[in-house]
Each structure stands twice: as C-alpha cells, then as structure tokens.
N, C-alpha and C. Protein backbone atom coordinates (compact mmCIF):
# COMPACT_ATOMS: atom_id res chain seq x y z
N UNK A 1 0.77 -1.31 -0.16
CA UNK A 1 0.07 -0.39 0.02
C UNK A 1 0.47 1.30 -0.20
N UNK A 2 0.27 2.30 -0.49
CA UNK A 2 1.36 3.62 -0.78
C UNK A 2 0.06 4.52 -0.69
N UNK A 3 0.62 6.08 -0.93
CA UNK A 3 -0.10 7.14 -0.30
C UNK A 3 0.24 7.52 -2.06
N UNK A 4 -0.87 7.76 -2.92
CA UNK A 4 -0.91 8.51 -3.90
C UNK A 4 -2.29 9.57 -3.95
N UNK A 5 -1.45 11.13 -5.00
CA UNK A 5 -2.70 11.87 -5.13
C UNK A 5 -2.48 12.33 -6.50
N UNK A 6 -3.83 13.19 -6.55
CA UNK A 6 -3.56 13.57 -8.06
C UNK A 6 -4.61 14.86 -8.11
N UNK A 7 -4.34 15.66 -9.39
CA UNK A 7 -5.29 16.57 -9.84
C UNK A 7 -6.29 16.56 -11.25
N UNK A 8 -7.63 16.62 -11.20
CA UNK A 8 -8.54 16.35 -11.83
C UNK A 8 -8.03 17.82 -13.10
N UNK A 9 -7.75 17.41 -14.28
CA UNK A 9 -8.05 18.44 -15.37
C UNK A 9 -9.10 19.28 -15.53
N UNK A 10 -9.43 20.21 -16.15
CA UNK A 10 -10.50 21.01 -16.24
C UNK A 10 -11.56 20.78 -17.39
N UNK A 11 -10.79 19.45 -17.79
CA UNK A 11 -11.98 19.43 -19.53
C UNK A 11 -13.84 19.42 -18.98
N UNK A 12 -13.52 18.48 -18.04
CA UNK A 12 -15.48 18.11 -18.18
C UNK A 12 -15.78 19.56 -17.49
N UNK A 13 -15.24 20.41 -16.26
CA UNK A 13 -16.01 21.85 -15.88
C UNK A 13 -16.06 22.66 -17.02
N UNK A 14 -15.14 22.53 -17.98
CA UNK A 14 -14.90 23.85 -18.49
C UNK A 14 -15.79 23.02 -20.36
N UNK A 15 -16.15 21.97 -20.50
CA UNK A 15 -17.06 21.79 -21.72
C UNK A 15 -16.00 21.22 -22.52
N UNK A 16 -15.12 20.71 -22.37
CA UNK A 16 -14.05 20.44 -23.58
C UNK A 16 -14.05 19.15 -23.55
N UNK A 17 -15.07 17.92 -22.57
CA UNK A 17 -14.92 16.68 -22.35
C UNK A 17 -15.69 16.18 -23.64
N UNK A 18 -15.11 14.65 -24.01
CA UNK A 18 -16.64 14.55 -25.19
C UNK A 18 -17.73 14.03 -24.13
N UNK A 19 -18.89 14.30 -25.32
CA UNK A 19 -20.06 14.07 -24.86
C UNK A 19 -20.67 12.91 -23.64
N UNK A 20 -21.08 13.06 -22.70
CA UNK A 20 -21.19 12.25 -21.58
C UNK A 20 -22.62 11.39 -21.92
N UNK A 21 -22.63 9.91 -21.95
CA UNK A 21 -23.32 9.09 -22.24
C UNK A 21 -25.12 9.47 -21.57
N UNK A 22 -25.08 9.84 -20.30
CA UNK A 22 -26.32 9.95 -19.57
C UNK A 22 -25.64 11.87 -18.89
N UNK A 23 -25.80 12.60 -20.04
CA UNK A 23 -25.59 14.38 -19.31
C UNK A 23 -26.65 14.35 -18.54
N UNK A 24 -27.62 14.17 -18.31
CA UNK A 24 -28.38 14.98 -17.55
C UNK A 24 -27.93 14.44 -16.04
N UNK A 25 -27.52 13.36 -15.89
CA UNK A 25 -26.91 12.36 -14.42
C UNK A 25 -25.93 12.59 -13.97
N UNK A 26 -24.72 13.39 -14.70
CA UNK A 26 -23.46 13.47 -14.80
C UNK A 26 -23.70 15.11 -13.71
N UNK A 27 -22.75 14.51 -12.72
CA UNK A 27 -22.47 15.88 -11.76
C UNK A 27 -20.57 15.76 -11.25
N UNK A 28 -20.65 16.82 -10.65
CA UNK A 28 -18.89 17.01 -10.65
C UNK A 28 -19.20 16.79 -8.45
N UNK A 29 -18.41 16.01 -7.72
CA UNK A 29 -18.39 15.86 -6.25
C UNK A 29 -17.34 17.06 -5.84
N UNK A 30 -17.35 17.06 -4.78
CA UNK A 30 -16.40 18.40 -4.26
C UNK A 30 -15.16 18.10 -4.67
N UNK A 31 -14.44 16.88 -4.86
CA UNK A 31 -13.29 16.73 -5.46
C UNK A 31 -13.45 16.62 -7.04
N UNK A 32 -13.75 17.24 -7.51
CA UNK A 32 -14.64 17.45 -8.86
C UNK A 32 -14.40 15.42 -10.05
N UNK A 33 -14.58 14.85 -9.00
CA UNK A 33 -14.90 13.22 -9.48
C UNK A 33 -15.98 13.50 -10.12
N UNK A 34 -16.02 13.04 -11.36
CA UNK A 34 -17.69 12.75 -12.41
C UNK A 34 -18.43 11.67 -11.27
N UNK A 35 -19.87 12.18 -11.23
CA UNK A 35 -19.95 11.22 -10.81
C UNK A 35 -22.07 10.97 -11.61
N UNK A 36 -22.29 9.77 -11.58
CA UNK A 36 -23.68 9.94 -12.12
C UNK A 36 -24.49 9.85 -10.70
N UNK A 37 -25.67 10.71 -10.82
CA UNK A 37 -26.33 10.44 -9.39
C UNK A 37 -27.68 9.96 -9.67
N UNK A 38 -28.40 9.74 -8.40
CA UNK A 38 -29.34 8.61 -8.69
C UNK A 38 -28.90 7.51 -7.88
N UNK A 39 -29.68 6.57 -8.72
CA UNK A 39 -28.92 5.09 -8.41
C UNK A 39 -29.11 4.23 -9.50
N UNK A 40 -27.81 4.95 -10.40
CA UNK A 40 -27.48 4.23 -11.76
C UNK A 40 -27.67 2.60 -11.60
N UNK A 41 -28.06 2.18 -12.62
CA UNK A 41 -27.82 0.48 -12.87
C UNK A 41 -26.33 0.48 -13.14
N UNK A 42 -25.76 -1.28 -12.81
CA UNK A 42 -24.01 -1.39 -13.45
C UNK A 42 -23.94 -0.93 -14.63
N UNK A 43 -24.92 -1.52 -15.50
CA UNK A 43 -24.24 -0.76 -17.00
C UNK A 43 -24.11 0.80 -17.22
N UNK A 44 -25.04 1.09 -16.37
CA UNK A 44 -24.62 2.61 -16.25
C UNK A 44 -23.41 3.45 -15.73
N UNK A 45 -23.11 2.91 -14.98
CA UNK A 45 -21.82 3.07 -14.33
C UNK A 45 -20.71 2.45 -14.75
N UNK A 46 -20.68 1.70 -15.59
CA UNK A 46 -19.92 1.05 -16.19
C UNK A 46 -19.42 2.09 -18.03
N UNK A 47 -20.65 2.06 -18.07
CA UNK A 47 -20.19 3.50 -19.08
C UNK A 47 -19.69 4.49 -19.08
N UNK A 48 -19.95 5.13 -17.58
CA UNK A 48 -20.02 6.38 -16.76
C UNK A 48 -18.38 6.00 -16.45
N UNK A 49 -17.18 5.17 -16.30
CA UNK A 49 -16.40 4.81 -15.84
C UNK A 49 -15.64 5.17 -17.40
N UNK A 50 -16.02 3.88 -18.55
CA UNK A 50 -15.62 4.18 -19.90
C UNK A 50 -15.44 5.51 -20.54
N UNK A 51 -16.36 6.36 -20.54
CA UNK A 51 -16.17 7.50 -21.08
C UNK A 51 -15.47 8.30 -20.46
N UNK A 52 -15.46 8.43 -18.96
CA UNK A 52 -14.69 8.99 -18.13
C UNK A 52 -12.83 8.79 -18.21
N UNK A 53 -12.46 7.46 -18.96
CA UNK A 53 -11.25 7.03 -19.23
C UNK A 53 -10.66 7.86 -20.46
N UNK A 54 -11.90 8.24 -21.14
CA UNK A 54 -11.67 8.38 -22.75
C UNK A 54 -12.04 9.93 -22.89
N UNK A 55 -12.36 10.56 -21.35
CA UNK A 55 -13.56 12.01 -21.63
C UNK A 55 -12.41 12.73 -22.36
N UNK A 56 -11.53 12.52 -22.21
CA UNK A 56 -10.15 13.87 -22.66
C UNK A 56 -8.67 13.23 -23.23
N UNK A 57 -7.99 14.25 -23.51
CA UNK A 57 -6.48 14.01 -23.77
C UNK A 57 -5.95 13.36 -22.54
N UNK A 58 -6.38 14.24 -21.61
CA UNK A 58 -5.59 13.64 -20.35
C UNK A 58 -5.95 12.75 -19.53
N UNK A 59 -7.11 11.74 -20.10
CA UNK A 59 -8.18 10.81 -19.21
C UNK A 59 -8.63 11.01 -17.90
N UNK A 60 -8.86 12.62 -18.00
CA UNK A 60 -9.09 13.50 -16.23
C UNK A 60 -8.34 13.97 -15.52
N UNK A 61 -7.13 13.54 -15.81
CA UNK A 61 -6.27 13.99 -14.55
C UNK A 61 -4.69 14.76 -15.02
N UNK A 62 -4.58 15.86 -14.37
CA UNK A 62 -3.90 16.45 -15.31
C UNK A 62 -2.10 16.40 -14.60
N UNK A 63 -2.33 15.94 -13.30
CA UNK A 63 -1.56 15.17 -12.65
C UNK A 63 -1.37 13.91 -11.77
N UNK A 64 -0.55 12.78 -11.44
CA UNK A 64 -1.06 11.90 -10.94
C UNK A 64 0.05 11.49 -10.50
N UNK A 65 0.38 11.79 -9.10
CA UNK A 65 1.82 11.38 -8.26
C UNK A 65 1.69 10.12 -7.48
N UNK A 66 2.69 9.06 -7.49
CA UNK A 66 2.51 8.03 -6.39
C UNK A 66 3.72 8.52 -5.43
N UNK A 67 3.22 9.04 -4.21
CA UNK A 67 3.81 10.07 -3.26
C UNK A 67 5.11 9.00 -2.74
N UNK A 68 4.57 7.77 -2.51
CA UNK A 68 5.51 6.83 -1.59
C UNK A 68 4.67 5.74 -0.78
N UNK A 69 5.33 4.29 -0.25
CA UNK A 69 4.95 3.56 0.52
C UNK A 69 4.59 3.61 1.67
N UNK A 70 4.24 2.88 2.68
CA UNK A 70 4.10 3.43 3.86
C UNK A 70 5.12 4.25 4.77
N UNK A 71 6.36 3.05 4.38
CA UNK A 71 7.95 3.22 4.93
C UNK A 71 8.26 4.45 4.56
N UNK A 72 7.90 5.26 2.93
CA UNK A 72 8.48 6.22 2.47
C UNK A 72 8.23 7.66 3.24
N UNK A 73 6.61 7.60 3.56
CA UNK A 73 5.59 8.67 4.37
C UNK A 73 6.26 8.37 5.61
N UNK A 74 6.35 7.40 6.47
CA UNK A 74 6.87 7.74 7.54
C UNK A 74 8.38 8.43 7.65
N UNK A 75 9.34 7.70 7.25
CA UNK A 75 10.42 8.39 6.76
C UNK A 75 10.47 9.89 6.65
N UNK A 76 9.63 10.57 5.69
CA UNK A 76 9.57 11.88 5.19
C UNK A 76 8.65 12.54 6.46
N UNK A 77 8.10 11.89 7.52
CA UNK A 77 7.62 12.28 8.59
C UNK A 77 8.86 12.56 9.69
N UNK A 78 9.36 11.72 9.62
CA UNK A 78 10.60 11.67 10.59
C UNK A 78 10.96 12.64 9.79
N UNK A 79 11.84 12.82 8.48
CA UNK A 79 12.75 14.19 8.22
C UNK A 79 11.89 15.04 8.52
N UNK A 80 10.44 16.10 8.38
CA UNK A 80 9.97 16.65 8.46
C UNK A 80 10.24 17.00 9.87
N UNK A 81 9.80 16.16 10.77
CA UNK A 81 10.17 16.30 12.14
C UNK A 81 11.52 16.97 12.42
N UNK A 82 12.30 16.10 12.12
CA UNK A 82 13.97 16.77 12.52
C UNK A 82 14.00 18.30 12.00
N UNK A 83 13.86 18.54 10.51
CA UNK A 83 13.61 19.81 10.31
C UNK A 83 12.99 20.97 11.13
N UNK A 84 12.01 20.38 11.79
CA UNK A 84 11.13 21.33 12.01
C UNK A 84 11.92 21.92 13.62
N UNK A 85 12.11 21.09 14.26
CA UNK A 85 12.74 20.70 15.59
C UNK A 85 13.96 21.46 15.63
N UNK A 86 14.60 21.68 14.86
CA UNK A 86 16.17 21.85 14.37
C UNK A 86 15.95 23.72 14.20
N UNK A 87 14.96 23.62 13.23
CA UNK A 87 14.90 24.82 12.53
C UNK A 87 13.90 25.54 13.19
N UNK A 88 13.48 25.42 14.14
CA UNK A 88 12.03 26.16 14.82
C UNK A 88 10.86 26.40 13.63
N UNK A 89 10.84 25.60 12.81
CA UNK A 89 9.82 25.32 11.76
C UNK A 89 8.40 24.89 12.26
N UNK A 90 7.53 24.81 11.55
CA UNK A 90 5.89 24.25 11.81
C UNK A 90 5.30 24.50 10.04
N UNK A 91 5.33 23.01 9.85
CA UNK A 91 4.52 22.94 8.56
C UNK A 91 3.03 22.04 8.32
N UNK A 92 2.21 22.67 8.80
CA UNK A 92 0.91 22.14 8.88
C UNK A 92 0.25 21.23 8.15
N UNK A 93 -0.06 21.56 7.40
CA UNK A 93 -0.52 20.99 5.64
C UNK A 93 0.29 19.71 5.42
N UNK A 94 1.60 19.87 5.67
CA UNK A 94 2.26 18.83 5.01
C UNK A 94 1.84 17.80 6.27
N UNK A 95 2.22 18.41 7.22
CA UNK A 95 1.88 17.22 8.59
C UNK A 95 1.08 16.71 8.74
N UNK A 96 -0.60 17.56 9.13
CA UNK A 96 -1.87 17.27 9.08
C UNK A 96 -2.64 16.51 7.68
N UNK A 97 -2.17 17.25 6.54
CA UNK A 97 -3.14 16.90 5.24
C UNK A 97 -2.48 15.50 4.67
N UNK A 98 -0.90 15.77 4.42
CA UNK A 98 -0.66 15.00 3.37
C UNK A 98 0.16 13.81 4.11
N UNK A 99 0.80 13.73 5.17
CA UNK A 99 1.48 12.86 5.64
C UNK A 99 1.17 12.15 6.74
N UNK A 100 -0.41 12.52 7.52
CA UNK A 100 -0.61 11.82 8.74
C UNK A 100 -0.28 10.36 8.52
N UNK A 101 -0.73 10.07 7.46
CA UNK A 101 -0.40 8.34 7.29
C UNK A 101 -0.08 8.26 6.29
N UNK A 102 0.80 7.02 5.79
CA UNK A 102 1.14 6.68 4.58
C UNK A 102 0.14 5.96 3.86
N UNK A 103 -1.24 5.77 3.62
CA UNK A 103 -1.96 5.48 3.04
C UNK A 103 -3.67 5.52 2.77
N UNK A 104 -4.09 7.54 3.51
CA UNK A 104 -5.12 7.93 3.29
C UNK A 104 -5.54 7.83 2.33
N UNK A 105 -6.63 7.99 1.83
CA UNK A 105 -7.18 8.07 0.73
C UNK A 105 -8.85 8.77 0.96
N UNK A 106 -9.13 9.25 -0.29
CA UNK A 106 -10.66 10.21 -0.25
C UNK A 106 -10.47 11.20 0.51
N UNK A 107 -9.26 11.55 0.53
CA UNK A 107 -9.31 12.86 1.60
C UNK A 107 -8.88 14.28 0.33
N UNK A 108 -8.86 15.37 0.68
CA UNK A 108 -8.20 16.32 -0.75
C UNK A 108 -7.70 17.35 0.25
N UNK A 109 -7.62 18.00 -0.33
CA UNK A 109 -6.27 19.64 -0.14
C UNK A 109 -7.24 20.21 -1.23
N UNK A 110 -8.05 21.33 -0.40
CA UNK A 110 -8.63 22.38 -1.57
C UNK A 110 -7.67 23.17 -1.99
N UNK A 111 -8.25 23.79 -3.55
CA UNK A 111 -7.35 24.44 -4.02
C UNK A 111 -7.02 25.83 -3.34
N UNK A 112 -7.67 26.50 -2.21
CA UNK A 112 -7.38 27.70 -2.11
C UNK A 112 -6.30 27.24 -0.89
N UNK A 113 -5.41 25.86 -1.20
CA UNK A 113 -4.84 25.48 0.63
C UNK A 113 -3.41 25.63 -0.52
N UNK A 114 -3.60 25.55 -1.66
CA UNK A 114 -2.46 24.66 -2.30
C UNK A 114 -1.08 25.67 -2.85
N UNK A 115 -1.61 27.15 -2.85
CA UNK A 115 -0.49 28.15 -2.49
C UNK A 115 0.52 27.85 -0.89
N UNK A 116 -0.12 27.62 0.55
CA UNK A 116 -0.26 27.53 1.62
C UNK A 116 0.80 26.22 1.39
N UNK A 117 0.13 25.41 1.03
CA UNK A 117 0.97 23.94 0.87
C UNK A 117 2.06 24.19 0.13
N UNK A 118 2.31 24.60 -0.99
CA UNK A 118 3.46 24.76 -1.61
C UNK A 118 4.14 25.68 -1.36
N UNK A 119 4.32 27.01 -0.27
CA UNK A 119 5.57 27.46 0.79
C UNK A 119 5.65 26.54 1.57
N UNK A 120 5.02 25.56 2.06
CA UNK A 120 6.06 24.51 3.12
C UNK A 120 6.78 23.57 2.38
N UNK A 121 6.07 23.26 1.46
CA UNK A 121 7.04 22.54 0.21
C UNK A 121 8.39 22.97 0.04
N UNK A 122 8.36 24.32 -0.26
CA UNK A 122 9.39 24.99 -0.46
C UNK A 122 10.49 25.41 0.67
N UNK A 123 9.37 25.50 1.44
CA UNK A 123 10.42 25.70 2.81
C UNK A 123 11.36 24.29 3.23
N UNK A 124 10.90 23.18 3.26
CA UNK A 124 11.56 21.85 3.56
C UNK A 124 12.59 21.70 2.35
N UNK A 125 12.58 22.28 0.92
CA UNK A 125 13.84 21.80 -0.47
C UNK A 125 14.62 22.58 0.12
N UNK A 126 14.53 23.91 1.19
CA UNK A 126 15.72 24.50 1.26
C UNK A 126 16.73 24.15 2.06
N UNK A 127 16.14 22.83 2.65
CA UNK A 127 17.04 21.97 3.89
C UNK A 127 17.86 21.14 2.65
N UNK A 128 18.22 21.16 1.66
CA UNK A 128 18.50 19.99 0.74
C UNK A 128 19.54 19.36 1.23
N UNK A 129 20.14 19.62 2.25
CA UNK A 129 21.12 19.08 2.55
C UNK A 129 21.10 17.25 3.70
N UNK A 130 19.74 18.00 3.97
CA UNK A 130 18.72 17.51 5.26
C UNK A 130 18.41 15.87 4.39
N UNK A 131 17.93 16.15 3.09
CA UNK A 131 17.30 15.68 2.36
C UNK A 131 17.85 14.15 1.73
N UNK A 132 17.63 12.91 1.59
CA UNK A 132 17.87 12.33 0.43
C UNK A 132 17.21 12.03 -0.75
N UNK A 133 17.38 11.24 -1.72
CA UNK A 133 16.49 11.58 -3.01
C UNK A 133 15.00 11.38 -2.90
N UNK A 134 14.96 10.45 -2.06
CA UNK A 134 13.76 10.12 -1.71
C UNK A 134 12.25 11.17 -0.98
N UNK A 135 13.50 11.37 -0.31
CA UNK A 135 12.82 12.74 0.05
C UNK A 135 12.55 13.65 -0.67
N UNK A 136 13.50 14.37 -1.49
CA UNK A 136 13.80 15.01 -2.88
C UNK A 136 12.27 14.66 -3.58
N UNK A 137 12.31 13.08 -4.26
CA UNK A 137 11.24 12.75 -4.99
C UNK A 137 9.96 13.28 -4.78
N UNK A 138 9.50 12.84 -3.29
CA UNK A 138 8.50 13.14 -2.48
C UNK A 138 8.06 14.71 -2.46
N UNK A 139 9.19 15.52 -2.26
CA UNK A 139 8.50 17.04 -2.10
C UNK A 139 8.76 17.63 -3.34
N UNK A 140 9.35 17.43 -4.24
CA UNK A 140 9.16 17.59 -5.72
C UNK A 140 7.50 16.97 -6.56
N UNK A 141 6.85 16.02 -5.80
CA UNK A 141 6.06 15.62 -6.67
C UNK A 141 5.00 16.27 -6.18
N UNK A 142 4.97 16.32 -4.82
CA UNK A 142 3.78 17.68 -4.07
C UNK A 142 3.96 18.66 -4.78
N UNK A 143 5.11 19.29 -5.12
CA UNK A 143 5.51 21.02 -5.37
C UNK A 143 4.67 20.23 -7.20
N UNK A 144 4.72 19.27 -7.56
CA UNK A 144 3.94 19.45 -9.20
C UNK A 144 2.06 19.22 -8.73
N UNK A 145 1.68 18.46 -7.31
CA UNK A 145 0.47 18.42 -7.19
C UNK A 145 0.35 19.79 -7.15
N UNK A 146 1.11 20.75 -5.96
CA UNK A 146 0.44 22.03 -5.92
C UNK A 146 0.25 23.05 -6.86
N UNK A 147 1.15 22.94 -7.86
CA UNK A 147 1.55 23.81 -8.84
C UNK A 147 0.19 23.65 -10.00
N UNK A 148 -0.51 22.43 -9.82
CA UNK A 148 -1.25 21.59 -10.86
C UNK A 148 -2.84 22.27 -10.42
N UNK A 149 -2.66 22.01 -9.11
CA UNK A 149 -4.38 22.69 -8.12
C UNK A 149 -4.36 24.02 -8.47
N UNK A 150 -3.52 25.13 -8.29
CA UNK A 150 -3.40 26.59 -8.10
C UNK A 150 -3.53 26.77 -9.86
N UNK A 151 -2.92 26.10 -11.23
CA UNK A 151 -3.36 26.26 -11.92
C UNK A 151 -4.83 25.89 -12.74
N UNK A 152 -5.32 24.92 -11.96
CA UNK A 152 -6.68 24.30 -12.41
C UNK A 152 -7.44 24.75 -11.18
N UNK A 153 -7.27 25.16 -10.07
CA UNK A 153 -8.14 25.52 -8.95
C UNK A 153 -9.23 24.08 -8.62
N UNK A 154 -8.32 23.38 -8.80
CA UNK A 154 -8.76 21.97 -8.72
C UNK A 154 -8.21 21.38 -7.11
N UNK A 155 -9.12 20.64 -6.74
CA UNK A 155 -8.20 19.99 -5.46
C UNK A 155 -7.02 19.25 -5.62
N UNK A 156 -6.24 18.67 -4.33
CA UNK A 156 -5.32 17.78 -4.74
C UNK A 156 -5.90 16.48 -3.68
N UNK A 157 -6.33 15.20 -4.46
CA UNK A 157 -6.94 14.49 -4.11
C UNK A 157 -6.11 13.00 -3.54
N UNK A 158 -6.32 12.57 -2.48
CA UNK A 158 -5.57 11.14 -2.18
C UNK A 158 -6.36 10.17 -2.25
C-alpha cells in the first residue's frame, strides 16, 4: 500500500470533454470527481467509467503522483519532524493533511490551500542537505501537485 495523489484536469468543467452518455445525470462532487446521480444500474456505471477514461486527452487527470509507500511516508514524517525541531519551523498542511499516514485516501486539499502547501514544500526543499533522493522526490511530487491545483483551481485528491 502507498500514498498516491492527483489533480483533475478542467476538461469536464470547461465543457471540453467528450459528450457523456448520460449528461442529465452527470455531476461533479467536492473533489471534482465526475459521478452519476441517482441510483444508476451497473451498466450505466460501467459506461460512465469507460467515458471518463476516454473523456479527454488527459484521461481526466492533469497530474497523478505516487508519493510513496508507508515506509517512505514514515521516513518523510521523521525528516520533517527533525527539520522542524532543529530550525523552529512548523509545516501544518504537510503534517496534518499529507503525511499523517501513509495510505489515506478519499481526502483532499482544496485548491485555496495549495499555495500555502507549496510554500511549506519550498521551505522543506531549502534544507536539501538534510534530504535524500527519496525525500526530494516526494517533495518535488507534492510541488507538481500544488502547481497543478493552483493552475486548475481543482483540489489535490488522495
């Protein structure tokens, strides 16, 4: 198991996606996930899923990042804790919304918070001497997610 995150593209929101098979029942939830309203039968759900995968050139996602397995996330938590303690810093979004455990899913960070998260990531990247390659990879992945969220105004979804 691991921690993955994504930011959806804006194609569905902006009317650039292929026509949906059931446009009158298509809705977007809080995470901009396209859903079918009501109590759709399995065949309709399967048609919806096929549509989503082919809905646009992005397959619905502008960025999708594997952030790491449970061990990597635990290591990043330790690194962040050490940097916070030695440099009197606090990075609440990273700690409480991203790395609080290594496998959370269904959570999201609103795009309004992405700029603040990006600032926290940039703060951590300033301590490159304390980071190994997997730490840098993690922070650069989160940075790509933040930039995509800021640009699309869509949330980062785990």
